[in-house]
Amino acid sequence: MQDQHYRGLVAEWYDDWLKEVTADKVFYSGFFHGFQGQVLELACGTGRLLIPVAESGVTIHGLDSSQHMLDVIWRKVADLNIEAIELYNQPMEEFSLPTQYDAIFVGSGSFQLLTSPESTLHSLECIQEHLTDGGFFLTDIFIPWDDIIAQRRDSYHVTRDVGRSNGQRSIVLERFEIDLSKQVKHGAYRYEFYKDKHLSECITDDLSIRWYWKDEFLNRICRSGSIDRVVTV
């Protein structure tokens, strides 16, 4: 489950692994610049996107299935002049909140963590229930072309290798196989954590994603009858 994957040291090092990834932060903070309505980010994680949007003055709430990731957000905002952030520890495929929103978004391809048609439909239904009249849903999706072409990788290979100023280091390794019929990439991950050049902890876990062709994704939303306005990037 997603909440079991993004916990502990995985949550603590998440921002370090993605510190060089800035395009999505620039896009979403720019997209919502000056937005006057209320925004909800699903699968908000450690607030990589939520906090820059909030810092621009937008009223934004966040939802994530991992309390560990939400705890990282609270530590960040404690030192920032950001008001009115609400965070909810619920899964994006089944959530119930007291607010309706003028925009709901899922960034960083996180909607693709929902690998079954049932979970996708449930999430879209929840999104519709929480949108105001005229509200819209925004998400980005991607296709792992290189992995699809390779079909599988039986041995681990390094995908991230980052260090901290205190000498700590983390290496992320991945192996995977592709299920073309279901459009799912099944990944197996190994997270290594080092102190003073010695391996101090190692975590292994599985995580899958489903990819969508753009027209397929839009047709799925239309067939669900759940959302009137959607923006994909």
C-alpha atoms as a PDB file:
ATOM      1  CA  MET A   1       0.000   0.000   0.000  1.00  0.00           C
ATOM      2  CA  GLN A   2       1.129   3.567  -0.713  1.00  0.00           C
ATOM      3  CA  ASP A   3       0.927   4.645   2.930  1.00  0.00           C
ATOM      4  CA  GLN A   4       3.169   1.732   3.927  1.00  0.00           C
ATOM      5  CA  HIS A   5       5.732   2.612   1.260  1.00  0.00           C
ATOM      6  CA  TYR A   6       6.117   6.321   1.963  1.00  0.00           C
ATOM      7  CA  ARG A   7       7.048   6.134   5.624  1.00  0.00           C
ATOM      8  CA  GLY A   8      10.037   6.273   7.930  1.00  0.00           C
ATOM      9  CA  LEU A   9      13.338   6.988   6.197  1.00  0.00           C
ATOM     10  CA  VAL A  10      11.648   6.957   2.792  1.00  0.00           C
ATOM     11  CA  ALA A  11       9.571   9.973   3.869  1.00  0.00           C
ATOM     12  CA  GLU A  12      12.562  11.632   5.554  1.00  0.00           C
ATOM     13  CA  TRP A  13      14.751  11.395   2.430  1.00  0.00           C
ATOM     14  CA  TYR A  14      12.052  12.003  -0.180  1.00  0.00           C
ATOM     15  CA  ASP A  15      12.907  15.675  -0.706  1.00  0.00           C
ATOM     16  CA  ASP A  16      16.627  14.892  -0.940  1.00  0.00           C
ATOM     17  CA  TRP A  17      16.020  12.433  -3.758  1.00  0.00           C
ATOM     18  CA  LEU A  18      13.966  14.961  -5.723  1.00  0.00           C
ATOM     19  CA  LYS A  19      15.891  18.135  -4.930  1.00  0.00           C
ATOM     20  CA  GLU A  20      17.004  18.483  -8.560  1.00  0.00           C
ATOM     21  CA  VAL A  21      13.440  18.091  -9.881  1.00  0.00           C
ATOM     22  CA  THR A  22      12.050  21.611 -10.202  1.00  0.00           C
ATOM     23  CA  ALA A  23       9.965  21.718 -13.402  1.00  0.00           C
ATOM     24  CA  ASP A  24       6.767  20.570 -11.696  1.00  0.00           C
ATOM     25  CA  LYS A  25       7.227  23.077  -8.860  1.00  0.00           C
ATOM     26  CA  VAL A  26       7.616  25.892 -11.379  1.00  0.00           C
ATOM     27  CA  PHE A  27       4.580  24.721 -13.360  1.00  0.00           C
ATOM     28  CA  TYR A  28       2.114  24.360 -10.486  1.00  0.00           C
ATOM     29  CA  SER A  29       3.163  27.500  -8.618  1.00  0.00           C
ATOM     30  CA  GLY A  30       2.859  29.411 -11.899  1.00  0.00           C
ATOM     31  CA  PHE A  31      -0.446  27.804 -12.845  1.00  0.00           C
ATOM     32  CA  PHE A  32      -2.090  28.762  -9.548  1.00  0.00           C
ATOM     33  CA  HIS A  33      -0.425  32.179  -9.213  1.00  0.00           C
ATOM     34  CA  GLY A  34      -3.164  34.658  -8.313  1.00  0.00           C
ATOM     35  CA  PHE A  35      -5.833  31.940  -8.056  1.00  0.00           C
ATOM     36  CA  GLN A  36      -8.668  33.206  -5.869  1.00  0.00           C
ATOM     37  CA  GLY A  37     -10.419  29.929  -5.059  1.00  0.00           C
ATOM     38  CA  GLN A  38      -9.614  27.103  -2.673  1.00  0.00           C
ATOM     39  CA  VAL A  39      -7.288  24.346  -3.886  1.00  0.00           C
ATOM     40  CA  LEU A  40      -6.790  20.749  -2.763  1.00  0.00           C
ATOM     41  CA  GLU A  41      -3.700  18.717  -3.615  1.00  0.00           C
ATOM     42  CA  LEU A  42      -4.146  14.958  -3.506  1.00  0.00           C
ATOM     43  CA  ALA A  43      -1.100  12.779  -2.744  1.00  0.00           C
ATOM     44  CA  CYS A  44       0.624  15.941  -1.540  1.00  0.00           C
ATOM     45  CA  GLY A  45       3.528  14.001  -0.002  1.00  0.00           C
ATOM     46  CA  THR A  46       6.093  16.208   1.703  1.00  0.00           C
ATOM     47  CA  GLY A  47       4.642  19.404   0.274  1.00  0.00           C
ATOM     48  CA  ARG A  48       7.087  19.843  -2.615  1.00  0.00           C
ATOM     49  CA  LEU A  49       4.288  21.424  -4.655  1.00  0.00           C
ATOM     50  CA  LEU A  50       1.860  22.430  -1.917  1.00  0.00           C
ATOM     51  CA  ILE A  51       4.235  24.745  -0.077  1.00  0.00           C
ATOM     52  CA  PRO A  52       5.322  26.843  -3.108  1.00  0.00           C
ATOM     53  CA  VAL A  53       1.647  27.261  -4.064  1.00  0.00           C
ATOM     54  CA  ALA A  54       0.783  28.259  -0.485  1.00  0.00           C
ATOM     55  CA  GLU A  55       3.690  30.721  -0.338  1.00  0.00           C
ATOM     56  CA  SER A  56       2.221  32.568  -3.329  1.00  0.00           C
ATOM     57  CA  GLY A  57      -0.860  33.377  -1.223  1.00  0.00           C
ATOM     58  CA  VAL A  58      -3.195  30.674  -2.531  1.00  0.00           C
ATOM     59  CA  THR A  59      -5.489  28.926  -0.064  1.00  0.00           C
ATOM     60  CA  ILE A  60      -4.507  25.274  -0.389  1.00  0.00           C
ATOM     61  CA  HIS A  61      -5.164  22.084   1.564  1.00  0.00           C
ATOM     62  CA  GLY A  62      -3.354  18.757   1.215  1.00  0.00           C
ATOM     63  CA  LEU A  63      -4.260  15.097   1.456  1.00  0.00           C
ATOM     64  CA  ASP A  64      -1.985  12.076   1.623  1.00  0.00           C
ATOM     65  CA  SER A  65      -2.326   8.457   2.730  1.00  0.00           C
ATOM     66  CA  SER A  66       1.012   8.599   4.588  1.00  0.00           C
ATOM     67  CA  GLN A  67       1.033  10.387   7.925  1.00  0.00           C
ATOM     68  CA  HIS A  68       4.829  10.230   7.823  1.00  0.00           C
ATOM     69  CA  MET A  69       4.863  12.418   4.696  1.00  0.00           C
ATOM     70  CA  LEU A  70       2.393  14.868   6.258  1.00  0.00           C
ATOM     71  CA  ASP A  71       4.608  15.123   9.342  1.00  0.00           C
ATOM     72  CA  VAL A  72       7.402  16.367   7.070  1.00  0.00           C
ATOM     73  CA  ILE A  73       5.103  19.138   5.806  1.00  0.00           C
ATOM     74  CA  TRP A  74       4.260  20.262   9.334  1.00  0.00           C
ATOM     75  CA  ARG A  75       7.940  20.563  10.175  1.00  0.00           C
ATOM     76  CA  LYS A  76       8.506  22.675   7.071  1.00  0.00           C
ATOM     77  CA  VAL A  77       5.620  25.094   7.563  1.00  0.00           C
ATOM     78  CA  ALA A  78       6.485  25.640  11.233  1.00  0.00           C
ATOM     79  CA  ASP A  79       9.217  28.068  10.132  1.00  0.00           C
ATOM     80  CA  LEU A  80       7.275  29.663   7.286  1.00  0.00           C
ATOM     81  CA  ASN A  81       4.688  32.417   7.282  1.00  0.00           C
ATOM     82  CA  ILE A  82       1.932  30.267   5.816  1.00  0.00           C
ATOM     83  CA  GLU A  83      -1.611  30.319   7.143  1.00  0.00           C
ATOM     84  CA  ALA A  84      -4.754  28.236   6.740  1.00  0.00           C
ATOM     85  CA  ILE A  85      -3.154  25.016   5.511  1.00  0.00           C
ATOM     86  CA  GLU A  86      -5.237  21.962   6.358  1.00  0.00           C
ATOM     87  CA  LEU A  87      -3.767  18.480   5.954  1.00  0.00           C
ATOM     88  CA  TYR A  88      -5.737  15.238   5.819  1.00  0.00           C
ATOM     89  CA  ASN A  89      -4.440  11.707   6.267  1.00  0.00           C
ATOM     90  CA  GLN A  90      -6.702   9.838   3.848  1.00  0.00           C
ATOM     91  CA  PRO A  91      -6.224   7.838   0.617  1.00  0.00           C
ATOM     92  CA  MET A  92      -6.991   9.655  -2.616  1.00  0.00           C
ATOM     93  CA  GLU A  93      -9.172   6.778  -3.817  1.00  0.00           C
ATOM     94  CA  GLU A  94     -11.525   7.111  -0.853  1.00  0.00           C
ATOM     95  CA  PHE A  95     -11.640  10.434   0.962  1.00  0.00           C
ATOM     96  CA  SER A  96     -14.274  12.575   2.620  1.00  0.00           C
ATOM     97  CA  LEU A  97     -13.513  16.181   3.583  1.00  0.00           C
ATOM     98  CA  PRO A  98     -15.637  19.017   5.022  1.00  0.00           C
ATOM     99  CA  THR A  99     -14.793  21.420   2.173  1.00  0.00           C
ATOM    100  CA  GLN A 100     -15.527  21.764  -1.520  1.00  0.00           C
ATOM    101  CA  TYR A 101     -12.755  23.121  -3.711  1.00  0.00           C
ATOM    102  CA  ASP A 102     -12.501  25.273  -6.800  1.00  0.00           C
ATOM    103  CA  ALA A 103      -9.557  23.185  -8.016  1.00  0.00           C
ATOM    104  CA  ILE A 104      -8.199  19.756  -7.136  1.00  0.00           C
ATOM    105  CA  PHE A 105      -4.888  18.545  -8.502  1.00  0.00           C
ATOM    106  CA  VAL A 106      -2.563  15.555  -8.377  1.00  0.00           C
ATOM    107  CA  GLY A 107       1.044  16.296  -9.316  1.00  0.00           C
ATOM    108  CA  SER A 108       4.195  14.330 -10.139  1.00  0.00           C
ATOM    109  CA  GLY A 109       2.292  11.504 -11.836  1.00  0.00           C
ATOM    110  CA  SER A 110       0.973  10.378  -8.452  1.00  0.00           C
ATOM    111  CA  PHE A 111      -2.490   9.612  -9.842  1.00  0.00           C
ATOM    112  CA  GLN A 112      -0.820   6.672 -11.579  1.00  0.00           C
ATOM    113  CA  LEU A 113      -0.238   5.007  -8.206  1.00  0.00           C
ATOM    114  CA  LEU A 114      -3.869   3.923  -8.553  1.00  0.00           C
ATOM    115  CA  THR A 115      -3.324   0.796 -10.612  1.00  0.00           C
ATOM    116  CA  SER A 116      -6.808  -0.764 -10.648  1.00  0.00           C
ATOM    117  CA  PRO A 117      -9.836   0.521 -12.609  1.00  0.00           C
ATOM    118  CA  GLU A 118     -11.881   0.394  -9.404  1.00  0.00           C
ATOM    119  CA  SER A 119      -9.528   2.630  -7.416  1.00  0.00           C
ATOM    120  CA  THR A 120      -9.298   5.083 -10.310  1.00  0.00           C
ATOM    121  CA  LEU A 121     -13.089   5.323 -10.554  1.00  0.00           C
ATOM    122  CA  HIS A 122     -13.488   5.732  -6.799  1.00  0.00           C
ATOM    123  CA  SER A 123     -10.954   8.552  -6.782  1.00  0.00           C
ATOM    124  CA  LEU A 124     -12.668  10.369  -9.651  1.00  0.00           C
ATOM    125  CA  GLU A 125     -15.999  10.064  -7.851  1.00  0.00           C
ATOM    126  CA  CYS A 126     -14.513  11.508  -4.667  1.00  0.00           C
ATOM    127  CA  ILE A 127     -12.946  14.340  -6.631  1.00  0.00           C
ATOM    128  CA  GLN A 128     -16.288  15.230  -8.204  1.00  0.00           C
ATOM    129  CA  GLU A 129     -18.000  15.236  -4.813  1.00  0.00           C
ATOM    130  CA  HIS A 130     -15.458  17.750  -3.537  1.00  0.00           C
ATOM    131  CA  LEU A 131     -15.490  20.158  -6.484  1.00  0.00           C
ATOM    132  CA  THR A 132     -17.576  23.320  -6.476  1.00  0.00           C
ATOM    133  CA  ASP A 133     -19.782  24.130  -9.464  1.00  0.00           C
ATOM    134  CA  GLY A 134     -17.340  25.236 -12.125  1.00  0.00           C
ATOM    135  CA  GLY A 135     -14.391  23.687 -10.275  1.00  0.00           C
ATOM    136  CA  PHE A 136     -11.792  21.717 -12.195  1.00  0.00           C
ATOM    137  CA  PHE A 137      -9.412  18.772 -11.799  1.00  0.00           C
ATOM    138  CA  LEU A 138      -5.779  19.110 -12.881  1.00  0.00           C
ATOM    139  CA  THR A 139      -3.254  16.277 -13.128  1.00  0.00           C
ATOM    140  CA  ASP A 140      -0.087  15.306 -14.946  1.00  0.00           C
ATOM    141  CA  ILE A 141       0.525  11.837 -16.320  1.00  0.00           C
ATOM    142  CA  PHE A 142       3.589  10.251 -17.887  1.00  0.00           C
ATOM    143  CA  ILE A 143       4.517   7.152 -19.860  1.00  0.00           C
ATOM    144  CA  PRO A 144       7.672   5.236 -18.807  1.00  0.00           C
ATOM    145  CA  TRP A 145       8.833   4.695 -22.389  1.00  0.00           C
ATOM    146  CA  ASP A 146      12.350   3.476 -21.624  1.00  0.00           C
ATOM    147  CA  ASP A 147      11.042   0.889 -19.174  1.00  0.00           C
ATOM    148  CA  ILE A 148       8.331  -0.262 -21.576  1.00  0.00           C
ATOM    149  CA  ILE A 149      10.952  -0.804 -24.271  1.00  0.00           C
ATOM    150  CA  ALA A 150      13.242  -2.687 -21.865  1.00  0.00           C
ATOM    151  CA  GLN A 151      10.288  -4.793 -20.592  1.00  0.00           C
ATOM    152  CA  ARG A 152      12.126  -5.844 -17.430  1.00  0.00           C
ATOM    153  CA  ARG A 153      15.274  -5.391 -15.403  1.00  0.00           C
ATOM    154  CA  ASP A 154      16.135  -8.350 -13.199  1.00  0.00           C
ATOM    155  CA  SER A 155      19.041  -6.792 -11.310  1.00  0.00           C
ATOM    156  CA  TYR A 156      18.982  -3.618  -9.252  1.00  0.00           C
ATOM    157  CA  HIS A 157      20.294  -0.405 -10.841  1.00  0.00           C
ATOM    158  CA  VAL A 158      20.861   2.970  -9.199  1.00  0.00           C
ATOM    159  CA  THR A 159      18.219   5.649  -9.791  1.00  0.00           C
ATOM    160  CA  ARG A 160      19.166   8.130  -7.038  1.00  0.00           C
ATOM    161  CA  ASP A 161      22.395   8.805  -5.166  1.00  0.00           C
ATOM    162  CA  VAL A 162      22.353  11.843  -2.887  1.00  0.00           C
ATOM    163  CA  GLY A 163      24.324  13.102   0.094  1.00  0.00           C
ATOM    164  CA  ARG A 164      23.795  15.530   2.947  1.00  0.00           C
ATOM    165  CA  SER A 165      26.217  18.062   4.406  1.00  0.00           C
ATOM    166  CA  ASN A 166      26.491  15.960   7.581  1.00  0.00           C
ATOM    167  CA  GLY A 167      28.024  13.088   5.625  1.00  0.00           C
ATOM    168  CA  GLN A 168      24.881  10.982   5.372  1.00  0.00           C
ATOM    169  CA  ARG A 169      24.138   9.399   2.020  1.00  0.00           C
ATOM    170  CA  SER A 170      21.226   7.573   0.431  1.00  0.00           C
ATOM    171  CA  ILE A 171      21.144   5.383  -2.667  1.00  0.00           C
ATOM    172  CA  VAL A 172      17.937   4.226  -4.348  1.00  0.00           C
ATOM    173  CA  LEU A 173      18.026   1.124  -6.550  1.00  0.00           C
ATOM    174  CA  GLU A 174      15.277  -0.303  -8.718  1.00  0.00           C
ATOM    175  CA  ARG A 175      14.401  -3.416 -10.664  1.00  0.00           C
ATOM    176  CA  PHE A 176      11.111  -3.881 -12.499  1.00  0.00           C
ATOM    177  CA  GLU A 177       8.945  -5.760 -14.927  1.00  0.00           C
ATOM    178  CA  ILE A 178       6.307  -4.459 -17.309  1.00  0.00           C
ATOM    179  CA  ASP A 179       2.801  -5.869 -17.697  1.00  0.00           C
ATOM    180  CA  LEU A 180       1.812  -4.580 -21.130  1.00  0.00           C
ATOM    181  CA  SER A 181      -1.716  -5.984 -21.033  1.00  0.00           C
ATOM    182  CA  LYS A 182      -2.537  -4.051 -17.850  1.00  0.00           C
ATOM    183  CA  GLN A 183      -0.230  -1.095 -18.598  1.00  0.00           C
ATOM    184  CA  VAL A 184       1.440  -1.507 -15.218  1.00  0.00           C
ATOM    185  CA  LYS A 185       5.073  -1.225 -14.192  1.00  0.00           C
ATOM    186  CA  HIS A 186       5.830  -3.395 -11.173  1.00  0.00           C
ATOM    187  CA  GLY A 187       8.859  -1.948  -9.400  1.00  0.00           C
ATOM    188  CA  ALA A 188      10.984  -3.416  -6.612  1.00  0.00           C
ATOM    189  CA  TYR A 189      13.018  -0.851  -4.707  1.00  0.00           C
ATOM    190  CA  ARG A 190      16.024  -0.978  -2.409  1.00  0.00           C
ATOM    191  CA  TYR A 191      16.789   2.054  -0.264  1.00  0.00           C
ATOM    192  CA  GLU A 192      20.263   2.194   1.251  1.00  0.00           C
ATOM    193  CA  PHE A 193      21.202   4.684   3.964  1.00  0.00           C
ATOM    194  CA  TYR A 194      24.810   5.388   4.955  1.00  0.00           C
ATOM    195  CA  LYS A 195      26.498   7.110   7.890  1.00  0.00           C
ATOM    196  CA  ASP A 196      30.235   7.766   7.789  1.00  0.00           C
ATOM    197  CA  LYS A 197      30.449   5.664   4.604  1.00  0.00           C
ATOM    198  CA  HIS A 198      28.955   2.638   6.383  1.00  0.00           C
ATOM    199  CA  LEU A 199      25.590   1.129   5.479  1.00  0.00           C
ATOM    200  CA  SER A 200      23.363   1.863   8.475  1.00  0.00           C
ATOM    201  CA  GLU A 201      19.986   0.727   7.183  1.00  0.00           C
ATOM    202  CA  CYS A 202      18.451  -0.906   4.127  1.00  0.00           C
ATOM    203  CA  ILE A 203      14.771  -0.992   3.157  1.00  0.00           C
ATOM    204  CA  THR A 204      13.229  -3.006   0.325  1.00  0.00           C
ATOM    205  CA  ASP A 205       9.687  -2.513  -0.919  1.00  0.00           C
ATOM    206  CA  ASP A 206       7.493  -2.884  -3.987  1.00  0.00           C
ATOM    207  CA  LEU A 207       5.563  -0.122  -5.733  1.00  0.00           C
ATOM    208  CA  SER A 208       3.597  -0.209  -8.974  1.00  0.00           C
ATOM    209  CA  ILE A 209       2.338   2.479 -11.330  1.00  0.00           C
ATOM    210  CA  ARG A 210      -0.153   2.360 -14.196  1.00  0.00           C
ATOM    211  CA  TRP A 211       0.357   4.452 -17.297  1.00  0.00           C
ATOM    212  CA  TYR A 212      -2.376   5.893 -19.488  1.00  0.00           C
ATOM    213  CA  TRP A 213      -2.387   7.049 -23.071  1.00  0.00           C
ATOM    214  CA  LYS A 214      -3.674  10.614 -23.068  1.00  0.00           C
ATOM    215  CA  ASP A 215      -6.860   9.926 -25.062  1.00  0.00           C
ATOM    216  CA  GLU A 216      -7.497   6.821 -22.993  1.00  0.00           C
ATOM    217  CA  PHE A 217      -7.220   8.839 -19.785  1.00  0.00           C
ATOM    218  CA  LEU A 218      -9.572  11.549 -21.006  1.00  0.00           C
ATOM    219  CA  ASN A 219     -12.074   8.953 -22.248  1.00  0.00           C
ATOM    220  CA  ARG A 220     -11.945   7.193 -18.897  1.00  0.00           C
ATOM    221  CA  ILE A 221     -12.858  10.428 -17.154  1.00  0.00           C
ATOM    222  CA  CYS A 222     -15.654  11.134 -19.629  1.00  0.00           C
ATOM    223  CA  ARG A 223     -17.068   7.612 -19.293  1.00  0.00           C
ATOM    224  CA  SER A 224     -17.053   7.899 -15.537  1.00  0.00           C
ATOM    225  CA  GLY A 225     -19.364  10.892 -15.887  1.00  0.00           C
ATOM    226  CA  SER A 226     -17.818  12.296 -12.769  1.00  0.00           C
ATOM    227  CA  ILE A 227     -15.857  15.417 -13.764  1.00  0.00           C
ATOM    228  CA  ASP A 228     -16.864  18.167 -16.153  1.00  0.00           C
ATOM    229  CA  ARG A 229     -13.531  19.973 -16.459  1.00  0.00           C
ATOM    230  CA  VAL A 230     -10.139  18.302 -16.457  1.00  0.00           C
ATOM    231  CA  VAL A 231      -6.685  19.623 -17.371  1.00  0.00           C
ATOM    232  CA  THR A 232      -3.875  17.173 -18.165  1.00  0.00           C
ATOM    233  CA  VAL A 233      -0.216  18.051 -18.673  1.00  0.00           C
END
